[in-house]
């Protein structure tokens, strides 16, 4: 098994559909994330951090370059196998929770496990364990509309970790929360990451939060640099 959970080599991405000129969002991105390492990604708005995370998470394809997850080159995989790899190996947390409104907190955490072939009883047990660890188990049967913003985001963290991925990608996971709630959610997220030995790339505008991670990288004008 590779010592690196995520590798990007010379990744480029350009957009030009409907635009008067090409926009070179990523220009030769090189990134290596070791197993158990937590990397902060800071960037000004519009710098391409979401594009980078989408490529790393197999939601988008680069124009050129290589993406490897757990030592496996993802470039030659078809859509089905990319979906399987994404479901099994990668967890996502977004700025907005994106919970399914018609399902309870418990069901939202169970769904990715069921999609991955887990038995219902096993998915329910793991979901309740995760919800308990983030302090939301008493609200397990509530739908998202009945939860606070912080509770919704903690459920989203549980959903991202439901299939025990090796890599977590988070795009401004506390950016939509007030400072006190942001600290609570970040502490929960980091606690789970450290306990489980996850690798993570976490995009944030919050410099104080970024400083608490293992390494800080800045994305600007399509390139990555250490801070």
Protein backbone atom coordinates (compact mmCIF):
# COMPACT_ATOMS: atom_id res chain seq x y z
CA UNK A 1 0.00 0.00 0.00
CA UNK A 2 1.25 3.48 -0.87
CA UNK A 3 2.42 5.79 1.90
CA UNK A 4 0.51 8.58 0.17
CA UNK A 5 -3.26 8.85 0.27
CA UNK A 6 -3.40 11.43 -2.51
CA UNK A 7 -1.00 12.45 -5.26
CA UNK A 8 -1.56 15.08 -7.94
CA UNK A 9 1.19 15.39 -10.55
CA UNK A 10 1.28 18.30 -13.01
CA UNK A 11 -2.51 18.70 -12.93
CA UNK A 12 -3.99 21.37 -15.17
CA UNK A 13 -7.54 22.56 -15.72
CA UNK A 14 -8.76 25.24 -18.11
CA UNK A 15 -12.28 26.51 -18.68
CA UNK A 16 -13.40 28.20 -21.88
CA UNK A 17 -17.05 27.26 -22.50
CA UNK A 18 -18.98 30.44 -23.24
CA UNK A 19 -16.08 32.67 -22.17
CA UNK A 20 -14.30 35.21 -24.36
CA UNK A 21 -10.92 33.77 -23.33
CA UNK A 22 -9.60 30.66 -21.66
CA UNK A 23 -9.37 30.70 -17.87
CA UNK A 24 -6.43 28.62 -16.67
CA UNK A 25 -7.66 27.64 -13.21
CA UNK A 26 -4.98 25.07 -12.34
CA UNK A 27 -1.50 25.34 -13.83
CA UNK A 28 0.63 22.31 -13.09
CA UNK A 29 -0.53 21.40 -9.58
CA UNK A 30 1.74 19.04 -7.65
CA UNK A 31 0.40 17.77 -4.33
CA UNK A 32 1.25 14.86 -2.08
CA UNK A 33 -0.73 14.06 1.04
CA UNK A 34 0.75 11.41 3.32
CA UNK A 35 -1.37 8.92 5.22
CA UNK A 36 -2.66 10.54 8.39
CA UNK A 37 -1.65 14.04 7.26
CA UNK A 38 -4.07 16.98 7.45
CA UNK A 39 -3.38 19.71 4.90
CA UNK A 40 -5.00 23.14 4.95
CA UNK A 41 -5.73 24.73 1.58
CA UNK A 42 -6.13 28.51 1.66
CA UNK A 43 -7.06 30.56 -1.36
CA UNK A 44 -8.80 33.77 -2.33
CA UNK A 45 -12.30 33.44 -3.73
CA UNK A 46 -12.30 32.23 -7.31
CA UNK A 47 -8.75 30.88 -7.13
CA UNK A 48 -9.82 27.34 -8.02
CA UNK A 49 -9.83 25.50 -4.69
CA UNK A 50 -13.17 23.84 -5.41
CA UNK A 51 -11.88 22.77 -8.83
CA UNK A 52 -8.79 21.27 -7.20
CA UNK A 53 -10.89 19.39 -4.64
CA UNK A 54 -13.29 18.15 -7.31
CA UNK A 55 -10.40 16.76 -9.35
CA UNK A 56 -8.80 15.20 -6.27
CA UNK A 57 -12.17 13.71 -5.37
CA UNK A 58 -12.80 12.27 -8.86
CA UNK A 59 -15.79 14.54 -9.47
CA UNK A 60 -13.98 16.22 -12.36
CA UNK A 61 -11.13 15.23 -14.66
CA UNK A 62 -7.99 17.30 -15.27
CA UNK A 63 -7.05 18.42 -18.76
CA UNK A 64 -3.63 16.90 -18.13
CA UNK A 65 -1.68 15.40 -15.27
CA UNK A 66 -2.11 12.43 -12.95
CA UNK A 67 -4.39 11.78 -9.99
CA UNK A 68 -3.57 8.86 -7.68
CA UNK A 69 -5.67 7.84 -4.70
CA UNK A 70 -4.21 5.22 -2.35
CA UNK A 71 -1.48 4.60 -4.90
CA UNK A 72 -3.89 3.88 -7.75
CA UNK A 73 -3.84 5.93 -10.94
CA UNK A 74 -7.39 7.14 -11.52
CA UNK A 75 -6.84 8.53 -15.00
CA UNK A 76 -7.76 5.43 -16.97
CA UNK A 77 -10.88 4.52 -15.01
CA UNK A 78 -14.32 4.83 -16.53
CA UNK A 79 -17.13 6.67 -14.79
CA UNK A 80 -18.49 3.59 -13.02
CA UNK A 81 -15.15 2.62 -11.51
CA UNK A 82 -14.47 6.23 -10.53
CA UNK A 83 -17.81 6.28 -8.73
CA UNK A 84 -16.96 3.07 -6.89
CA UNK A 85 -13.53 4.42 -5.90
CA UNK A 86 -15.04 7.71 -4.75
CA UNK A 87 -17.69 5.97 -2.68
CA UNK A 88 -15.18 3.61 -1.07
CA UNK A 89 -12.06 5.75 -0.63
CA UNK A 90 -13.10 9.40 -0.36
CA UNK A 91 -15.34 11.38 1.98
CA UNK A 92 -16.63 14.87 1.19
CA UNK A 93 -17.76 17.73 3.41
CA UNK A 94 -19.03 20.91 1.79
CA UNK A 95 -19.72 24.43 3.06
CA UNK A 96 -23.44 23.66 2.90
CA UNK A 97 -24.48 20.36 4.41
CA UNK A 98 -26.41 19.03 1.37
CA UNK A 99 -28.35 16.59 3.55
CA UNK A 100 -31.38 15.01 1.90
CA UNK A 101 -34.34 16.84 3.46
CA UNK A 102 -36.81 13.95 3.30
CA UNK A 103 -34.59 11.65 5.37
CA UNK A 104 -33.66 11.74 9.04
CA UNK A 105 -30.15 12.44 10.28
CA UNK A 106 -29.71 8.71 10.86
CA UNK A 107 -30.93 7.82 7.37
CA UNK A 108 -28.66 10.43 5.77
CA UNK A 109 -25.63 8.73 7.34
CA UNK A 110 -26.90 5.26 6.47
CA UNK A 111 -27.51 5.95 2.78
CA UNK A 112 -23.90 5.96 1.54
CA UNK A 113 -23.26 2.73 3.40
CA UNK A 114 -26.30 1.05 1.86
CA UNK A 115 -25.17 2.28 -1.57
CA UNK A 116 -21.82 0.64 -0.83
CA UNK A 117 -23.45 -2.71 -0.10
CA UNK A 118 -23.63 -2.64 3.71
CA UNK A 119 -26.40 -4.55 5.50
CA UNK A 120 -29.08 -2.27 6.93
CA UNK A 121 -28.42 -3.34 10.53
CA UNK A 122 -24.70 -2.71 10.17
CA UNK A 123 -25.27 0.68 8.52
CA UNK A 124 -27.65 1.69 11.28
CA UNK A 125 -25.24 0.65 14.03
CA UNK A 126 -22.30 2.52 12.49
CA UNK A 127 -24.42 5.60 11.84
CA UNK A 128 -25.61 5.75 15.43
CA UNK A 129 -22.03 5.33 16.64
CA UNK A 130 -20.83 8.23 14.48
CA UNK A 131 -23.74 10.45 15.47
CA UNK A 132 -23.04 9.70 19.12
CA UNK A 133 -19.37 10.64 18.71
CA UNK A 134 -20.32 14.06 17.37
CA UNK A 135 -23.06 14.62 19.96
CA UNK A 136 -26.06 14.39 17.63
CA UNK A 137 -27.36 10.91 18.51
CA UNK A 138 -30.34 12.32 20.50
CA UNK A 139 -31.43 14.04 17.27
CA UNK A 140 -30.94 10.99 15.05
CA UNK A 141 -34.60 10.72 14.03
CA UNK A 142 -34.95 14.42 13.20
CA UNK A 143 -34.95 15.62 9.62
CA UNK A 144 -32.43 18.31 8.64
CA UNK A 145 -34.96 21.16 8.85
CA UNK A 146 -35.38 20.41 12.56
CA UNK A 147 -31.63 20.61 13.25
CA UNK A 148 -29.47 23.66 13.89
CA UNK A 149 -26.80 24.65 11.39
CA UNK A 150 -24.08 23.16 13.55
CA UNK A 151 -26.01 19.92 13.98
CA UNK A 152 -26.61 19.66 10.25
CA UNK A 153 -22.92 20.06 9.52
CA UNK A 154 -21.96 17.48 12.15
CA UNK A 155 -24.35 15.04 10.47
CA UNK A 156 -22.67 15.88 7.16
CA UNK A 157 -19.30 15.02 8.73
CA UNK A 158 -20.70 11.66 9.84
CA UNK A 159 -22.03 11.00 6.36
CA UNK A 160 -18.60 11.75 4.87
CA UNK A 161 -16.99 9.22 7.21
CA UNK A 162 -19.74 6.61 6.97
CA UNK A 163 -17.82 4.27 4.64
CA UNK A 164 -14.53 4.70 6.56
CA UNK A 165 -12.66 6.36 3.68
CA UNK A 166 -8.92 6.89 3.76
CA UNK A 167 -9.14 10.44 2.42
CA UNK A 168 -11.37 13.34 3.46
CA UNK A 169 -11.85 16.40 1.27
CA UNK A 170 -13.58 19.38 2.88
CA UNK A 171 -14.49 22.62 1.10
CA UNK A 172 -14.98 25.44 3.63
CA UNK A 173 -16.72 23.05 6.08
CA UNK A 174 -17.27 25.79 8.68
CA UNK A 175 -17.63 28.72 6.28
CA UNK A 176 -21.40 28.99 6.69
CA UNK A 177 -21.39 28.96 10.50
CA UNK A 178 -21.03 31.57 13.23
CA UNK A 179 -17.64 31.62 15.04
CA UNK A 180 -18.75 29.60 18.07
CA UNK A 181 -20.49 26.93 16.01
CA UNK A 182 -17.57 26.92 13.57
CA UNK A 183 -15.18 26.07 16.40
CA UNK A 184 -17.44 23.25 17.59
CA UNK A 185 -17.75 21.70 14.15
CA UNK A 186 -14.04 22.06 13.43
CA UNK A 187 -13.12 20.43 16.74
CA UNK A 188 -15.47 17.53 15.98
CA UNK A 189 -14.08 17.16 12.47
CA UNK A 190 -10.45 17.24 13.55
CA UNK A 191 -11.13 14.89 16.46
CA UNK A 192 -12.61 12.27 14.15
CA UNK A 193 -9.84 12.73 11.57
CA UNK A 194 -7.13 12.23 14.19
CA UNK A 195 -8.88 9.29 15.88
CA UNK A 196 -9.32 7.40 12.63
CA UNK A 197 -5.94 8.27 11.08
CA UNK A 198 -7.55 9.88 8.06
CA UNK A 199 -5.70 11.94 5.51
CA UNK A 200 -7.46 15.20 4.78
CA UNK A 201 -7.34 18.29 2.60
CA UNK A 202 -9.43 21.04 4.15
CA UNK A 203 -10.05 24.29 2.30
CA UNK A 204 -10.66 27.25 4.59
CA UNK A 205 -10.49 31.03 4.71
CA UNK A 206 -9.94 30.85 8.45
CA UNK A 207 -6.23 31.29 9.11
CA UNK A 208 -6.56 30.31 12.76
CA UNK A 209 -8.10 26.98 11.80
CA UNK A 210 -5.54 26.44 9.04
CA UNK A 211 -2.70 26.93 11.53
CA UNK A 212 -3.98 23.96 13.55
CA UNK A 213 -3.43 21.53 10.68
CA UNK A 214 -0.16 19.79 9.79
CA UNK A 215 0.66 21.89 6.75
CA UNK A 216 -0.74 24.98 5.02
CA UNK A 217 -0.74 25.37 1.24
CA UNK A 218 -1.85 28.45 -0.66
CA UNK A 219 -3.49 28.27 -4.07
CA UNK A 220 -3.12 31.45 -6.09
CA UNK A 221 -3.08 32.11 -9.83
CA UNK A 222 -3.35 28.40 -10.52
CA UNK A 223 -0.34 27.32 -8.51
CA UNK A 224 0.27 25.80 -5.08
CA UNK A 225 2.87 27.02 -2.62
CA UNK A 226 3.68 26.30 1.00
CA UNK A 227 3.00 29.00 3.58
